[in-house]
């Protein structure tokens, strides 16, 4: 919580005109307003991190890198 108010639901925050909100509540800087009212959804952050880890370590990104490397080697031999 900030300034005694609860953080609005994430869906509502996606539709906010941050500049208008900042001006209405008397903040001089939109970045300050966003820092006060936008909080990272830790579960969503974990899901993103896990997905990236899976892709990089053992998923399609790793497979694509290997395929690209193989194509480069076979292409240069011709």
PDB file of N, CA and C in Angstrom:
ATOM      1  N   UNK A   1       0.834  -1.192   0.000  1.00  0.00           N
ATOM      2  CA  UNK A   1       0.000   0.000   0.000  1.00  0.00           C
ATOM      3  C   UNK A   1       0.874   1.249   0.000  1.00  0.00           C
ATOM      4  N   UNK A   2       0.346   2.276  -0.606  1.00  0.00           N
ATOM      5  CA  UNK A   2       1.052   3.538  -0.681  1.00  0.00           C
ATOM      6  C   UNK A   2       0.086   4.651  -0.317  1.00  0.00           C
ATOM      7  N   UNK A   3       0.531   5.567   0.496  1.00  0.00           N
ATOM      8  CA  UNK A   3      -0.295   6.711   0.890  1.00  0.00           C
ATOM      9  C   UNK A   3      -1.639   6.278   1.451  1.00  0.00           C
ATOM     10  N   UNK A   4      -1.701   5.121   2.085  1.00  0.00           N
ATOM     11  CA  UNK A   4      -2.935   4.660   2.702  1.00  0.00           C
ATOM     12  C   UNK A   4      -3.956   4.125   1.724  1.00  0.00           C
ATOM     13  N   UNK A   5      -3.570   3.896   0.480  1.00  0.00           N
ATOM     14  CA  UNK A   5      -4.521   3.375  -0.506  1.00  0.00           C
ATOM     15  C   UNK A   5      -4.055   2.016  -0.980  1.00  0.00           C
ATOM     16  N   UNK A   6      -5.011   1.197  -1.360  1.00  0.00           N
ATOM     17  CA  UNK A   6      -4.689  -0.127  -1.893  1.00  0.00           C
ATOM     18  C   UNK A   6      -4.300   0.011  -3.358  1.00  0.00           C
ATOM     19  N   UNK A   7      -3.439  -0.869  -3.820  1.00  0.00           N
ATOM     20  CA  UNK A   7      -3.069  -0.889  -5.227  1.00  0.00           C
ATOM     21  C   UNK A   7      -4.250  -1.384  -6.035  1.00  0.00           C
ATOM     22  N   UNK A   8      -4.622  -0.681  -7.117  1.00  0.00           N
ATOM     23  CA  UNK A   8      -5.761  -1.115  -7.930  1.00  0.00           C
ATOM     24  C   UNK A   8      -5.469  -2.452  -8.613  1.00  0.00           C
ATOM     25  N   UNK A   9      -6.513  -3.181  -8.998  1.00  0.00           N
ATOM     26  CA  UNK A   9      -6.310  -4.456  -9.701  1.00  0.00           C
ATOM     27  C   UNK A   9      -5.494  -4.245 -10.979  1.00  0.00           C
ATOM     28  N   UNK A  10      -4.715  -5.248 -11.332  1.00  0.00           N
ATOM     29  CA  UNK A  10      -3.823  -5.160 -12.490  1.00  0.00           C
ATOM     30  C   UNK A  10      -4.579  -4.819 -13.767  1.00  0.00           C
ATOM     31  N   UNK A  11      -5.749  -5.422 -13.975  1.00  0.00           N
ATOM     32  CA  UNK A  11      -6.520  -5.156 -15.190  1.00  0.00           C
ATOM     33  C   UNK A  11      -6.895  -3.685 -15.291  1.00  0.00           C
ATOM     34  N   UNK A  12      -7.263  -3.078 -14.180  1.00  0.00           N
ATOM     35  CA  UNK A  12      -7.619  -1.657 -14.183  1.00  0.00           C
ATOM     36  C   UNK A  12      -6.396  -0.800 -14.459  1.00  0.00           C
ATOM     37  N   UNK A  13      -5.243  -1.188 -13.943  1.00  0.00           N
ATOM     38  CA  UNK A  13      -4.031  -0.405 -14.112  1.00  0.00           C
ATOM     39  C   UNK A  13      -3.568  -0.383 -15.560  1.00  0.00           C
ATOM     40  N   UNK A  14      -3.878  -1.408 -16.337  1.00  0.00           N
ATOM     41  CA  UNK A  14      -3.449  -1.458 -17.740  1.00  0.00           C
ATOM     42  C   UNK A  14      -4.135  -0.380 -18.575  1.00  0.00           C
ATOM     43  N   UNK A  15      -5.306   0.078 -18.133  1.00  0.00           N
ATOM     44  CA  UNK A  15      -6.082   1.033 -18.907  1.00  0.00           C
ATOM     45  C   UNK A  15      -5.927   2.463 -18.420  1.00  0.00           C
ATOM     46  N   UNK A  16      -5.076   2.705 -17.456  1.00  0.00           N
ATOM     47  CA  UNK A  16      -4.943   4.031 -16.865  1.00  0.00           C
ATOM     48  C   UNK A  16      -4.114   4.950 -17.751  1.00  0.00           C
ATOM     49  N   UNK A  17      -4.573   6.188 -17.899  1.00  0.00           N
ATOM     50  CA  UNK A  17      -3.773   7.239 -18.526  1.00  0.00           C
ATOM     51  C   UNK A  17      -2.897   7.803 -17.411  1.00  0.00           C
ATOM     52  N   UNK A  18      -1.667   7.321 -17.337  1.00  0.00           N
ATOM     53  CA  UNK A  18      -0.797   7.644 -16.215  1.00  0.00           C
ATOM     54  C   UNK A  18      -0.491   9.133 -16.122  1.00  0.00           C
ATOM     55  N   UNK A  19      -0.380   9.805 -17.252  1.00  0.00           N
ATOM     56  CA  UNK A  19      -0.106  11.244 -17.227  1.00  0.00           C
ATOM     57  C   UNK A  19      -1.280  11.996 -16.607  1.00  0.00           C
ATOM     58  N   UNK A  20      -2.503  11.646 -17.010  1.00  0.00           N
ATOM     59  CA  UNK A  20      -3.694  12.297 -16.464  1.00  0.00           C
ATOM     60  C   UNK A  20      -3.828  12.009 -14.969  1.00  0.00           C
ATOM     61  N   UNK A  21      -3.567  10.761 -14.567  1.00  0.00           N
ATOM     62  CA  UNK A  21      -3.645  10.405 -13.150  1.00  0.00           C
ATOM     63  C   UNK A  21      -2.616  11.189 -12.347  1.00  0.00           C
ATOM     64  N   UNK A  22      -1.406  11.256 -12.853  1.00  0.00           N
ATOM     65  CA  UNK A  22      -0.339  11.963 -12.167  1.00  0.00           C
ATOM     66  C   UNK A  22      -0.707  13.425 -11.950  1.00  0.00           C
ATOM     67  N   UNK A  23      -1.235  14.041 -12.994  1.00  0.00           N
ATOM     68  CA  UNK A  23      -1.631  15.447 -12.897  1.00  0.00           C
ATOM     69  C   UNK A  23      -2.774  15.622 -11.898  1.00  0.00           C
ATOM     70  N   UNK A  24      -3.768  14.738 -11.952  1.00  0.00           N
ATOM     71  CA  UNK A  24      -4.941  14.848 -11.090  1.00  0.00           C
ATOM     72  C   UNK A  24      -4.571  14.728  -9.614  1.00  0.00           C
ATOM     73  N   UNK A  25      -3.644  13.868  -9.285  1.00  0.00           N
ATOM     74  CA  UNK A  25      -3.310  13.687  -7.864  1.00  0.00           C
ATOM     75  C   UNK A  25      -2.144  14.563  -7.409  1.00  0.00           C
ATOM     76  N   UNK A  26      -1.657  15.420  -8.321  1.00  0.00           N
ATOM     77  CA  UNK A  26      -0.687  16.422  -7.923  1.00  0.00           C
ATOM     78  C   UNK A  26       0.769  16.005  -7.983  1.00  0.00           C
ATOM     79  N   UNK A  27       1.056  14.929  -8.691  1.00  0.00           N
ATOM     80  CA  UNK A  27       2.458  14.535  -8.864  1.00  0.00           C
ATOM     81  C   UNK A  27       3.040  15.287 -10.054  1.00  0.00           C
ATOM     82  N   UNK A  28       4.250  15.763  -9.908  1.00  0.00           N
ATOM     83  CA  UNK A  28       4.912  16.494 -10.989  1.00  0.00           C
ATOM     84  C   UNK A  28       5.491  15.554 -12.043  1.00  0.00           C
ATOM     85  N   UNK A  29       5.708  14.302 -11.677  1.00  0.00           N
ATOM     86  CA  UNK A  29       6.399  13.362 -12.555  1.00  0.00           C
ATOM     87  C   UNK A  29       5.597  12.066 -12.694  1.00  0.00           C
ATOM     88  N   UNK A  30       5.303  11.677 -13.928  1.00  0.00           N
ATOM     89  CA  UNK A  30       4.551  10.452 -14.184  1.00  0.00           C
ATOM     90  C   UNK A  30       5.312   9.230 -13.669  1.00  0.00           C
ATOM     91  N   UNK A  31       6.622   9.243 -13.805  1.00  0.00           N
ATOM     92  CA  UNK A  31       7.425   8.107 -13.335  1.00  0.00           C
ATOM     93  C   UNK A  31       7.255   7.909 -11.830  1.00  0.00           C
ATOM     94  N   UNK A  32       7.175   9.013 -11.083  1.00  0.00           N
ATOM     95  CA  UNK A  32       6.964   8.912  -9.642  1.00  0.00           C
ATOM     96  C   UNK A  32       5.623   8.247  -9.350  1.00  0.00           C
ATOM     97  N   UNK A  33       4.586   8.671 -10.059  1.00  0.00           N
ATOM     98  CA  UNK A  33       3.246   8.092  -9.860  1.00  0.00           C
ATOM     99  C   UNK A  33       3.283   6.592 -10.123  1.00  0.00           C
ATOM    100  N   UNK A  34       3.901   6.198 -11.224  1.00  0.00           N
ATOM    101  CA  UNK A  34       3.947   4.778 -11.569  1.00  0.00           C
ATOM    102  C   UNK A  34       4.724   3.985 -10.528  1.00  0.00           C
ATOM    103  N   UNK A  35       5.807   4.541 -10.028  1.00  0.00           N
ATOM    104  CA  UNK A  35       6.589   3.838  -9.007  1.00  0.00           C
ATOM    105  C   UNK A  35       5.768   3.631  -7.737  1.00  0.00           C
ATOM    106  N   UNK A  36       4.876   4.571  -7.450  1.00  0.00           N
ATOM    107  CA  UNK A  36       4.067   4.480  -6.242  1.00  0.00           C
ATOM    108  C   UNK A  36       2.937   3.466  -6.371  1.00  0.00           C
ATOM    109  N   UNK A  37       2.350   3.341  -7.566  1.00  0.00           N
ATOM    110  CA  UNK A  37       1.131   2.557  -7.715  1.00  0.00           C
ATOM    111  C   UNK A  37       1.279   1.271  -8.511  1.00  0.00           C
ATOM    112  N   UNK A  38       2.367   1.090  -9.211  1.00  0.00           N
ATOM    113  CA  UNK A  38       2.570  -0.131  -9.975  1.00  0.00           C
ATOM    114  C   UNK A  38       3.519  -1.026  -9.196  1.00  0.00           C
ATOM    115  N   UNK A  39       3.052  -2.211  -8.903  1.00  0.00           N
ATOM    116  CA  UNK A  39       3.887  -3.174  -8.197  1.00  0.00           C
ATOM    117  C   UNK A  39       4.013  -4.417  -9.066  1.00  0.00           C
ATOM    118  N   UNK A  40       5.180  -5.009  -9.034  1.00  0.00           N
ATOM    119  CA  UNK A  40       5.410  -6.214  -9.813  1.00  0.00           C
ATOM    120  C   UNK A  40       4.599  -7.356  -9.247  1.00  0.00           C
ATOM    121  N   UNK A  41       3.933  -8.052 -10.127  1.00  0.00           N
ATOM    122  CA  UNK A  41       3.219  -9.259  -9.733  1.00  0.00           C
ATOM    123  C   UNK A  41       4.269 -10.367  -9.659  1.00  0.00           C
ATOM    124  N   UNK A  42       4.665 -10.736  -8.440  1.00  0.00           N
ATOM    125  CA  UNK A  42       5.768 -11.678  -8.261  1.00  0.00           C
ATOM    126  C   UNK A  42       5.494 -13.031  -8.894  1.00  0.00           C
ATOM    127  N   UNK A  43       4.258 -13.504  -8.844  1.00  0.00           N
ATOM    128  CA  UNK A  43       3.945 -14.799  -9.457  1.00  0.00           C
ATOM    129  C   UNK A  43       4.105 -14.721 -10.971  1.00  0.00           C
ATOM    130  N   UNK A  44       3.640 -13.646 -11.586  1.00  0.00           N
ATOM    131  CA  UNK A  44       3.806 -13.468 -13.030  1.00  0.00           C
ATOM    132  C   UNK A  44       5.282 -13.374 -13.380  1.00  0.00           C
ATOM    133  N   UNK A  45       6.053 -12.687 -12.553  1.00  0.00           N
ATOM    134  CA  UNK A  45       7.494 -12.561 -12.774  1.00  0.00           C
ATOM    135  C   UNK A  45       8.166 -13.928 -12.702  1.00  0.00           C
ATOM    136  N   UNK A  46       7.768 -14.739 -11.740  1.00  0.00           N
ATOM    137  CA  UNK A  46       8.334 -16.096 -11.629  1.00  0.00           C
ATOM    138  C   UNK A  46       7.998 -16.936 -12.860  1.00  0.00           C
ATOM    139  N   UNK A  47       6.758 -16.818 -13.340  1.00  0.00           N
ATOM    140  CA  UNK A  47       6.360 -17.593 -14.519  1.00  0.00           C
ATOM    141  C   UNK A  47       7.185 -17.196 -15.743  1.00  0.00           C
ATOM    142  N   UNK A  48       7.415 -15.901 -15.909  1.00  0.00           N
ATOM    143  CA  UNK A  48       8.231 -15.431 -17.026  1.00  0.00           C
ATOM    144  C   UNK A  48       9.650 -15.964 -16.892  1.00  0.00           C
ATOM    145  N   UNK A  49      10.215 -15.879 -15.700  1.00  0.00           N
ATOM    146  CA  UNK A  49      11.574 -16.368 -15.477  1.00  0.00           C
ATOM    147  C   UNK A  49      11.674 -17.866 -15.751  1.00  0.00           C
ATOM    148  N   UNK A  50      10.701 -18.636 -15.286  1.00  0.00           N
ATOM    149  CA  UNK A  50      10.713 -20.077 -15.517  1.00  0.00           C
ATOM    150  C   UNK A  50      10.573 -20.411 -16.995  1.00  0.00           C
ATOM    151  N   UNK A  51       9.702 -19.709 -17.682  1.00  0.00           N
ATOM    152  CA  UNK A  51       9.526 -19.951 -19.114  1.00  0.00           C
ATOM    153  C   UNK A  51      10.803 -19.650 -19.881  1.00  0.00           C
ATOM    154  N   UNK A  52      11.423 -18.512 -19.574  1.00  0.00           N
ATOM    155  CA  UNK A  52      12.681 -18.174 -20.240  1.00  0.00           C
ATOM    156  C   UNK A  52      13.766 -19.197 -19.944  1.00  0.00           C
ATOM    157  N   UNK A  53      13.848 -19.626 -18.695  1.00  0.00           N
ATOM    158  CA  UNK A  53      14.852 -20.629 -18.327  1.00  0.00           C
ATOM    159  C   UNK A  53      14.632 -21.917 -19.104  1.00  0.00           C
ATOM    160  N   UNK A  54      13.381 -22.341 -19.204  1.00  0.00           N
ATOM    161  CA  UNK A  54      13.089 -23.574 -19.944  1.00  0.00           C
ATOM    162  C   UNK A  54      13.456 -23.429 -21.410  1.00  0.00           C
ATOM    163  N   UNK A  55      13.149 -22.281 -21.988  1.00  0.00           N
ATOM    164  CA  UNK A  55      13.467 -22.064 -23.398  1.00  0.00           C
ATOM    165  C   UNK A  55      14.967 -22.005 -23.638  1.00  0.00           C
ATOM    166  N   UNK A  56      15.676 -21.328 -22.757  1.00  0.00           N
ATOM    167  CA  UNK A  56      17.114 -21.149 -22.942  1.00  0.00           C
ATOM    168  C   UNK A  56      17.887 -22.420 -22.636  1.00  0.00           C
ATOM    169  N   UNK A  57      17.557 -23.076 -21.534  1.00  0.00           N
ATOM    170  CA  UNK A  57      18.327 -24.236 -21.089  1.00  0.00           C
ATOM    171  C   UNK A  57      18.015 -25.493 -21.886  1.00  0.00           C
ATOM    172  N   UNK A  58      16.733 -25.777 -22.070  1.00  0.00           N
ATOM    173  CA  UNK A  58      16.444 -27.047 -22.724  1.00  0.00           C
ATOM    174  C   UNK A  58      15.345 -26.979 -23.733  1.00  0.00           C
ATOM    175  N   UNK A  59      14.942 -25.795 -24.070  1.00  0.00           N
ATOM    176  CA  UNK A  59      13.793 -25.681 -24.945  1.00  0.00           C
ATOM    177  C   UNK A  59      14.155 -25.279 -26.350  1.00  0.00           C
ATOM    178  N   UNK A  60      13.238 -24.603 -26.970  1.00  0.00           N
ATOM    179  CA  UNK A  60      13.364 -24.290 -28.382  1.00  0.00           C
ATOM    180  C   UNK A  60      14.481 -23.299 -28.687  1.00  0.00           C
ATOM    181  N   UNK A  61      14.806 -22.394 -27.766  1.00  0.00           N
ATOM    182  CA  UNK A  61      15.902 -21.468 -28.041  1.00  0.00           C
ATOM    183  C   UNK A  61      17.233 -22.211 -28.128  1.00  0.00           C
ATOM    184  N   UNK A  62      17.441 -23.146 -27.214  1.00  0.00           N
ATOM    185  CA  UNK A  62      18.676 -23.923 -27.246  1.00  0.00           C
ATOM    186  C   UNK A  62      18.725 -24.780 -28.506  1.00  0.00           C
ATOM    187  N   UNK A  63      17.610 -25.386 -28.840  1.00  0.00           N
ATOM    188  CA  UNK A  63      17.556 -26.220 -30.043  1.00  0.00           C
ATOM    189  C   UNK A  63      17.788 -25.374 -31.288  1.00  0.00           C
ATOM    190  N   UNK A  64      17.220 -24.178 -31.337  1.00  0.00           N
ATOM    191  CA  UNK A  64      17.397 -23.294 -32.484  1.00  0.00           C
ATOM    192  C   UNK A  64      18.849 -22.867 -32.607  1.00  0.00           C
ATOM    193  N   UNK A  65      19.500 -22.564 -31.496  1.00  0.00           N
ATOM    194  CA  UNK A  65      20.906 -22.158 -31.530  1.00  0.00           C
ATOM    195  C   UNK A  65      21.775 -23.285 -32.070  1.00  0.00           C
ATOM    196  N   UNK A  66      21.498 -24.502 -31.655  1.00  0.00           N
ATOM    197  CA  UNK A  66      22.259 -25.657 -32.142  1.00  0.00           C
ATOM    198  C   UNK A  66      22.025 -25.848 -33.630  1.00  0.00           C
ATOM    199  N   UNK A  67      20.762 -25.716 -34.052  1.00  0.00           N
ATOM    200  CA  UNK A  67      20.438 -25.873 -35.471  1.00  0.00           C
ATOM    201  C   UNK A  67      21.117 -24.795 -36.300  1.00  0.00           C
ATOM    202  N   UNK A  68      21.107 -23.563 -35.809  1.00  0.00           N
ATOM    203  CA  UNK A  68      21.766 -22.469 -36.527  1.00  0.00           C
ATOM    204  C   UNK A  68      23.262 -22.716 -36.640  1.00  0.00           C
ATOM    205  N   UNK A  69      23.861 -23.186 -35.559  1.00  0.00           N
ATOM    206  CA  UNK A  69      25.299 -23.453 -35.559  1.00  0.00           C
ATOM    207  C   UNK A  69      25.627 -24.571 -36.550  1.00  0.00           C
ATOM    208  N   UNK A  70      24.795 -25.591 -36.581  1.00  0.00           N
ATOM    209  CA  UNK A  70      24.997 -26.707 -37.507  1.00  0.00           C
ATOM    210  C   UNK A  70      24.864 -26.232 -38.947  1.00  0.00           C
ATOM    211  N   UNK A  71      23.841 -25.399 -39.229  1.00  0.00           N
ATOM    212  CA  UNK A  71      23.649 -24.863 -40.566  1.00  0.00           C
ATOM    213  C   UNK A  71      24.835 -24.008 -40.997  1.00  0.00           C
ATOM    214  N   UNK A  72      25.357 -23.211 -40.075  1.00  0.00           N
ATOM    215  CA  UNK A  72      26.508 -22.360 -40.387  1.00  0.00           C
ATOM    216  C   UNK A  72      27.722 -23.209 -40.754  1.00  0.00           C
ATOM    217  N   UNK A  73      27.948 -24.276 -40.022  1.00  0.00           N
ATOM    218  CA  UNK A  73      29.104 -25.148 -40.289  1.00  0.00           C
ATOM    219  C   UNK A  73      28.947 -25.855 -41.620  1.00  0.00           C
ATOM    220  N   UNK A  74      27.755 -26.365 -41.890  1.00  0.00           N
ATOM    221  CA  UNK A  74      27.574 -27.096 -43.145  1.00  0.00           C
ATOM    222  C   UNK A  74      27.583 -26.140 -44.330  1.00  0.00           C
ATOM    223  N   UNK A  75      27.115 -24.912 -44.139  1.00  0.00           N
ATOM    224  CA  UNK A  75      27.121 -23.916 -45.211  1.00  0.00           C
ATOM    225  C   UNK A  75      28.506 -23.440 -45.559  1.00  0.00           C
ATOM    226  N   UNK A  76      29.376 -23.348 -44.560  1.00  0.00           N
ATOM    227  CA  UNK A  76      30.727 -22.852 -44.826  1.00  0.00           C
ATOM    228  C   UNK A  76      31.613 -23.916 -45.455  1.00  0.00           C
ATOM    229  N   UNK A  77      31.198 -25.188 -45.342  1.00  0.00           N
ATOM    230  CA  UNK A  77      31.999 -26.273 -45.921  1.00  0.00           C
ATOM    231  C   UNK A  77      31.761 -26.395 -47.419  1.00  0.00           C
ATOM    232  N   UNK A  78      30.702 -25.766 -47.923  1.00  0.00           N
ATOM    233  CA  UNK A  78      30.382 -25.895 -49.335  1.00  0.00           C
ATOM    234  C   UNK A  78      31.144 -24.958 -50.189  1.00  0.00           C
TER     235      UNK A  78
END
